[in-house]
Amino acid sequence: MKKIKNNFLLAIIILLAGLLSCDNDEIFKTEQYKNVFALVSETENIYSKYYDLRDSESVGYLSISCGGTNPTTKDTNISLIEDPSLIDTYNKVNYDVEYNKYAHQLSKSMYNIDSYKLTIKAGEIKASLPIRIRPEGLSPDSTYFIPLRIDLHDSYEANPEKSYVLFEIRIKNFYAKAEGTTYNLTGKEQARSIFGTKIVHPLGADKVRIMAGTEAYMSDIEVHKKHALILDINVEGKVRITPYGDIQVDQIDDDIEYPNIFKVDYDGYRYYKTFLLRYDFTMNNQTYQMREELRLQFDPENEDEM
């Protein structure tokens, strides 16, 4: 009698396990086949787009994509809103009380979003939102975001982890990108030969910042004010050298080898962006005579890879 009872209990357990397995399989299939959409971004929900300071206005695109095993059968209408609290959270998580490192919301005067609504058409997997940016006046030393999140949608499901984005505006020009472009440095300080690298940052359509002489680059605005120079390049490639802040600098224009120009060189194999600079600068009551060649290899057909 005991054996019959045990066999009965075992049968019940097997039956229940089978039912649970069927439920789990059904849940898995539902999860696998459902359509979910998300704002396209990278680490920390940031999506970066470069804007050229040579353009008074240009357009970048924020994308939203839909995934799922089966294609969608109806349109998905999505509305976005701007949410400044996203920047507040980003700053607190990453920088706490280091307020000088805080990211900024891009000024409303510097961009336009004509519509915050977009539609992923039935059977398609992607839609894009155009964002028009006017980058003049932005600094390479600051981070600028347009904070956007999904507000409303009328079908399918939004991925909660990718339901918002910090659209980052980064600047560049022909000579450098916002994070700094590294040129090879050769030349002379007084009569001493110098070799190394120099970081170049974009400031305007045809304007960049460098550190004077062999001063090391530091991501510190106070250091820039004391030790940085501005190179302003005209349409003929002539360079004008001025102080970024308080540094004393004198441009010397009678050196044949270093005539204060920018040019593009081609050696038969490769292209190079080249600055030839001659200036004196004074620091701590000592004057340094500088002759510098800054040189960067580049591919004219792939400037975005600079």
Protein backbone atom coordinates (compact mmCIF):
# COMPACT_ATOMS: atom_id res chain seq x y z
CA MET A 1 0.00 0.00 0.00
CA LYS A 2 2.87 2.32 0.87
CA LYS A 3 4.54 1.56 -2.47
CA ILE A 4 1.35 2.51 -4.39
CA LYS A 5 1.13 5.79 -2.45
CA ASN A 6 4.75 6.69 -3.23
CA ASN A 7 4.24 5.92 -6.91
CA PHE A 8 1.16 8.17 -6.92
CA LEU A 9 3.11 11.06 -5.35
CA LEU A 10 5.93 10.59 -7.85
CA ALA A 11 3.47 10.76 -10.73
CA ILE A 12 2.00 14.00 -9.35
CA ILE A 13 5.49 15.54 -9.05
CA ILE A 14 6.38 14.56 -12.63
CA LEU A 15 3.09 16.02 -13.88
CA LEU A 16 3.64 19.32 -12.05
CA ALA A 17 7.22 19.55 -13.33
CA GLY A 18 5.95 19.05 -16.87
CA LEU A 19 3.35 21.78 -16.46
CA LEU A 20 5.96 24.20 -15.06
CA SER A 21 8.29 23.35 -17.92
CA CYS A 22 5.55 24.12 -20.43
CA ASP A 23 4.88 27.48 -18.72
CA ASN A 24 8.60 28.35 -18.76
CA ASP A 25 8.84 27.41 -22.43
CA GLU A 26 5.86 29.62 -23.21
CA ILE A 27 7.36 32.55 -21.30
CA PHE A 28 10.68 32.06 -23.09
CA LYS A 29 8.96 32.02 -26.48
CA THR A 30 7.00 35.16 -25.60
CA GLU A 31 10.17 36.99 -24.51
CA GLN A 32 12.08 35.77 -27.52
CA TYR A 33 9.54 36.81 -30.12
CA LYS A 34 8.26 40.10 -28.73
CA ASN A 35 9.28 43.39 -30.35
CA VAL A 36 11.17 45.88 -28.17
CA PHE A 37 12.51 49.28 -29.28
CA ALA A 38 15.33 51.35 -27.81
CA LEU A 39 17.22 54.60 -28.28
CA VAL A 40 20.62 53.88 -29.80
CA SER A 41 23.48 54.81 -27.47
CA GLU A 42 26.77 53.61 -26.04
CA THR A 43 28.21 53.47 -22.51
CA GLU A 44 26.12 55.32 -19.90
CA ASN A 45 23.43 55.89 -22.56
CA ILE A 46 25.60 58.50 -24.30
CA TYR A 47 25.49 58.98 -28.06
CA SER A 48 28.25 61.27 -29.40
CA LYS A 49 28.13 63.18 -32.66
CA TYR A 50 30.84 65.48 -34.05
CA TYR A 51 29.93 68.88 -35.46
CA ASP A 52 32.37 70.82 -37.61
CA LEU A 53 33.11 74.37 -36.49
CA ARG A 54 33.52 75.32 -40.16
CA ASP A 55 29.77 74.80 -40.64
CA SER A 56 27.43 77.44 -39.25
CA GLU A 57 24.79 74.73 -38.88
CA SER A 58 24.74 71.00 -39.57
CA VAL A 59 22.47 68.06 -38.86
CA GLY A 60 23.08 64.94 -36.78
CA TYR A 61 20.67 62.06 -36.26
CA LEU A 62 19.53 60.25 -33.14
CA SER A 63 18.33 56.74 -33.97
CA ILE A 64 15.79 54.46 -32.38
CA SER A 65 15.78 50.77 -33.29
CA CYS A 66 13.37 47.88 -32.84
CA GLY A 67 14.42 44.29 -32.23
CA GLY A 68 12.57 41.01 -32.21
CA THR A 69 12.53 37.68 -34.02
CA ASN A 70 9.46 38.58 -36.08
CA PRO A 71 8.96 41.81 -38.06
CA THR A 72 6.52 44.36 -36.69
CA THR A 73 3.02 44.40 -38.17
CA LYS A 74 2.02 47.95 -37.23
CA ASP A 75 3.56 51.41 -36.96
CA THR A 76 5.15 52.44 -33.66
CA ASN A 77 4.63 56.14 -32.94
CA ILE A 78 7.05 57.47 -30.32
CA SER A 79 7.26 60.86 -28.59
CA LEU A 80 10.41 62.13 -26.87
CA ILE A 81 10.85 64.87 -24.30
CA GLU A 82 13.87 66.70 -22.93
CA ASP A 83 14.68 65.77 -19.35
CA PRO A 84 17.43 67.86 -17.66
CA SER A 85 17.38 65.56 -14.60
CA LEU A 86 19.27 63.01 -16.72
CA ILE A 87 22.28 65.36 -16.76
CA ASP A 88 21.99 65.96 -13.02
CA THR A 89 22.11 62.23 -12.38
CA TYR A 90 25.05 61.76 -14.76
CA ASN A 91 27.04 64.52 -13.01
CA LYS A 92 26.36 63.26 -9.51
CA VAL A 93 27.21 59.66 -10.37
CA ASN A 94 30.42 60.50 -12.22
CA TYR A 95 31.77 63.62 -10.51
CA ASP A 96 29.98 64.07 -7.17
CA VAL A 97 31.31 67.44 -5.88
CA GLU A 98 33.87 68.03 -8.66
CA TYR A 99 31.65 70.73 -10.10
CA ASN A 100 34.27 71.95 -12.57
CA LYS A 101 33.91 68.64 -14.44
CA TYR A 102 30.11 68.76 -14.70
CA ALA A 103 28.49 68.30 -18.10
CA HIS A 104 26.24 71.09 -19.36
CA GLN A 105 22.93 71.13 -21.14
CA LEU A 106 23.43 72.63 -24.58
CA SER A 107 22.00 76.14 -24.83
CA LYS A 108 18.64 76.29 -26.61
CA SER A 109 20.05 78.97 -28.91
CA MET A 110 22.51 76.46 -30.37
CA TYR A 111 20.16 73.75 -31.64
CA ASN A 112 16.77 72.94 -33.08
CA ILE A 113 14.67 69.80 -32.96
CA ASP A 114 11.77 70.44 -35.32
CA SER A 115 9.69 67.56 -33.97
CA TYR A 116 10.07 65.26 -30.99
CA LYS A 117 7.90 62.62 -32.64
CA LEU A 118 9.11 59.78 -34.84
CA THR A 119 7.64 56.60 -36.26
CA ILE A 120 9.09 53.15 -36.83
CA LYS A 121 7.07 51.95 -39.79
CA ALA A 122 5.56 48.45 -39.78
CA GLY A 123 8.11 45.92 -40.96
CA GLU A 124 11.03 48.33 -40.44
CA ILE A 125 13.56 48.32 -37.59
CA LYS A 126 14.75 51.91 -37.37
CA ALA A 127 13.77 55.58 -37.34
CA SER A 128 15.86 58.73 -36.93
CA LEU A 129 15.37 62.12 -35.31
CA PRO A 130 17.26 65.02 -36.98
CA ILE A 131 18.99 67.48 -34.64
CA ARG A 132 20.33 70.74 -36.09
CA ILE A 133 23.34 72.15 -34.26
CA ARG A 134 25.09 75.52 -34.44
CA PRO A 135 28.45 74.71 -32.77
CA GLU A 136 30.22 78.08 -32.89
CA GLY A 137 31.25 79.11 -29.37
CA LEU A 138 31.43 75.62 -27.87
CA SER A 139 34.55 74.77 -25.89
CA PRO A 140 36.67 71.61 -26.23
CA ASP A 141 37.03 71.67 -22.45
CA SER A 142 33.33 71.14 -21.69
CA THR A 143 30.82 68.34 -22.21
CA TYR A 144 27.50 69.30 -23.79
CA PHE A 145 24.37 67.14 -23.77
CA ILE A 146 20.83 67.28 -25.07
CA PRO A 147 18.99 64.96 -22.63
CA LEU A 148 16.14 63.04 -24.26
CA ARG A 149 13.88 60.23 -23.10
CA ILE A 150 10.88 58.35 -24.40
CA ASP A 151 7.66 59.89 -23.14
CA LEU A 152 4.85 58.12 -25.00
CA HIS A 153 4.46 55.28 -27.49
CA ASP A 154 1.41 53.56 -28.91
CA SER A 155 2.55 50.00 -29.60
CA TYR A 156 5.07 47.33 -28.68
CA GLU A 157 7.46 47.86 -25.77
CA ALA A 158 10.31 50.22 -24.84
CA ASN A 159 13.51 48.82 -23.35
CA PRO A 160 13.59 50.52 -19.91
CA GLU A 161 17.40 50.52 -19.84
CA LYS A 162 17.59 52.26 -23.22
CA SER A 163 14.59 54.55 -22.89
CA TYR A 164 16.73 57.69 -22.59
CA VAL A 165 19.87 59.13 -24.17
CA LEU A 166 22.40 61.87 -23.50
CA PHE A 167 23.02 63.22 -27.01
CA GLU A 168 26.56 64.58 -26.82
CA ILE A 169 27.72 67.39 -29.09
CA ARG A 170 31.45 67.24 -29.83
CA ILE A 171 33.34 69.80 -31.91
CA LYS A 172 36.03 69.50 -34.54
CA ASN A 173 37.63 71.45 -37.36
CA PHE A 174 40.12 70.58 -40.11
CA TYR A 175 43.02 70.56 -37.64
CA ALA A 176 41.74 68.80 -34.51
CA LYS A 177 38.90 67.16 -32.59
CA ALA A 178 37.44 68.12 -29.21
CA GLU A 179 39.30 65.47 -27.19
CA GLY A 180 42.59 66.70 -28.63
CA THR A 181 44.54 65.57 -31.69
CA THR A 182 48.16 64.50 -31.23
CA TYR A 183 50.72 65.95 -33.65
CA ASN A 184 54.35 64.90 -33.82
CA LEU A 185 56.68 67.66 -32.65
CA THR A 186 60.21 68.37 -33.86
CA GLY A 187 62.22 71.58 -33.72
CA LYS A 188 64.43 73.63 -31.47
CA GLU A 189 64.13 75.32 -28.10
CA GLN A 190 66.92 77.89 -28.08
CA ALA A 191 69.69 75.80 -29.74
CA ARG A 192 68.51 72.50 -28.26
CA SER A 193 66.75 70.01 -30.52
CA ILE A 194 63.34 68.90 -29.30
CA PHE A 195 61.21 65.87 -30.15
CA GLY A 196 57.86 64.67 -28.87
CA THR A 197 54.17 65.27 -29.39
CA LYS A 198 51.81 68.19 -28.98
CA ILE A 199 48.06 68.14 -28.30
CA VAL A 200 45.95 70.39 -30.55
CA HIS A 201 42.38 71.41 -29.66
CA PRO A 202 39.80 73.13 -31.90
CA LEU A 203 38.53 76.56 -30.85
CA GLY A 204 36.88 77.87 -34.01
CA ALA A 205 36.51 77.25 -37.72
CA ASP A 206 40.22 77.98 -38.31
CA LYS A 207 41.52 78.37 -34.79
CA VAL A 208 43.25 75.91 -32.44
CA ARG A 209 44.95 75.85 -29.05
CA ILE A 210 48.36 74.41 -28.18
CA MET A 211 50.64 74.51 -25.15
CA ALA A 212 53.62 76.84 -25.45
CA GLY A 213 57.01 75.23 -26.05
CA THR A 214 57.44 71.88 -24.37
CA GLU A 215 54.93 72.57 -21.60
CA ALA A 216 52.98 69.40 -20.80
CA TYR A 217 49.28 69.37 -21.59
CA MET A 218 46.92 69.22 -18.62
CA SER A 219 43.14 69.16 -18.67
CA ASP A 220 42.96 72.24 -16.45
CA ILE A 221 41.62 75.60 -17.58
CA GLU A 222 43.91 77.46 -15.15
CA VAL A 223 46.96 75.76 -16.72
CA HIS A 224 45.66 76.72 -20.16
CA LYS A 225 45.39 80.37 -19.12
CA LYS A 226 49.03 80.38 -18.01
CA HIS A 227 50.69 78.23 -20.66
CA ALA A 228 48.52 77.95 -23.80
CA LEU A 229 48.63 79.69 -27.17
CA ILE A 230 46.08 80.27 -29.93
CA LEU A 231 46.92 79.58 -33.56
CA ASP A 232 44.65 81.44 -35.97
CA ILE A 233 45.00 80.24 -39.59
CA ASN A 234 43.87 82.42 -42.48
CA VAL A 235 42.71 81.27 -45.92
CA GLU A 236 46.25 81.46 -47.29
CA GLY A 237 47.63 79.29 -44.47
CA LYS A 238 49.35 82.11 -42.59
CA VAL A 239 49.31 81.54 -38.82
CA ARG A 240 48.85 84.26 -36.23
CA ILE A 241 50.05 83.32 -32.72
CA THR A 242 48.39 84.95 -29.70
CA PRO A 243 48.11 84.15 -25.97
CA TYR A 244 45.18 82.02 -24.80
CA GLY A 245 45.36 83.68 -21.39
CA ASP A 246 48.08 85.53 -19.53
CA ILE A 247 51.20 84.15 -21.19
CA GLN A 248 53.54 86.61 -22.94
CA VAL A 249 54.26 85.56 -26.53
CA ASP A 250 55.96 87.28 -29.46
CA GLN A 251 55.52 85.97 -32.98
CA ILE A 252 58.71 86.04 -35.07
CA ASP A 253 58.06 86.24 -38.81
CA ASP A 254 61.52 86.42 -40.38
CA ASP A 255 62.54 82.75 -40.09
CA ILE A 256 62.69 81.10 -43.53
CA GLU A 257 62.49 77.52 -42.14
CA TYR A 258 59.68 78.25 -39.69
CA PRO A 259 57.59 80.98 -41.37
CA ASN A 260 54.44 80.62 -39.22
CA ILE A 261 52.32 78.80 -41.75
CA PHE A 262 50.00 75.81 -42.00
CA LYS A 263 50.17 73.58 -45.08
CA VAL A 264 49.22 70.14 -46.34
CA ASP A 265 52.26 68.14 -47.50
CA TYR A 266 52.32 65.11 -49.77
CA ASP A 267 55.49 63.01 -50.00
CA GLY A 268 54.29 60.77 -52.82
CA TYR A 269 52.81 58.23 -50.39
CA ARG A 270 51.15 60.04 -47.51
CA TYR A 271 49.48 63.33 -46.68
CA TYR A 272 50.46 65.43 -43.66
CA LYS A 273 48.95 68.42 -41.91
CA THR A 274 51.89 70.61 -40.97
CA PHE A 275 52.42 73.72 -38.83
CA LEU A 276 55.77 75.55 -39.00
CA LEU A 277 55.94 77.95 -36.06
CA ARG A 278 58.45 80.51 -34.79
CA TYR A 279 57.77 82.43 -31.58
CA ASP A 280 59.28 83.50 -28.28
CA PHE A 281 57.43 83.18 -25.00
CA THR A 282 58.26 84.31 -21.49
CA MET A 283 57.57 82.32 -18.34
CA ASN A 284 58.90 82.94 -14.83
CA ASN A 285 61.07 85.79 -16.16
CA GLN A 286 62.77 83.50 -18.68
CA THR A 287 62.31 83.81 -22.43
CA TYR A 288 62.25 80.72 -24.66
CA GLN A 289 62.94 80.85 -28.39
CA MET A 290 60.81 78.22 -30.15
CA ARG A 291 61.04 76.73 -33.63
CA GLU A 292 58.43 74.03 -34.08
CA GLU A 293 57.18 71.68 -36.75
CA LEU A 294 53.87 70.02 -35.85
CA ARG A 295 53.01 67.18 -38.23
CA LEU A 296 50.03 64.84 -38.53
CA GLN A 297 49.54 62.10 -41.11
CA PHE A 298 45.99 61.92 -42.47
CA ASP A 299 43.87 60.45 -45.23
CA PRO A 300 41.93 63.13 -47.17
CA GLU A 301 39.26 60.57 -48.08
CA ASN A 302 38.62 59.60 -44.46
CA GLU A 303 38.72 62.83 -42.53
CA ASP A 304 36.17 61.55 -40.00
CA GLU A 305 38.77 59.04 -38.87
CA MET A 306 41.20 61.79 -37.91
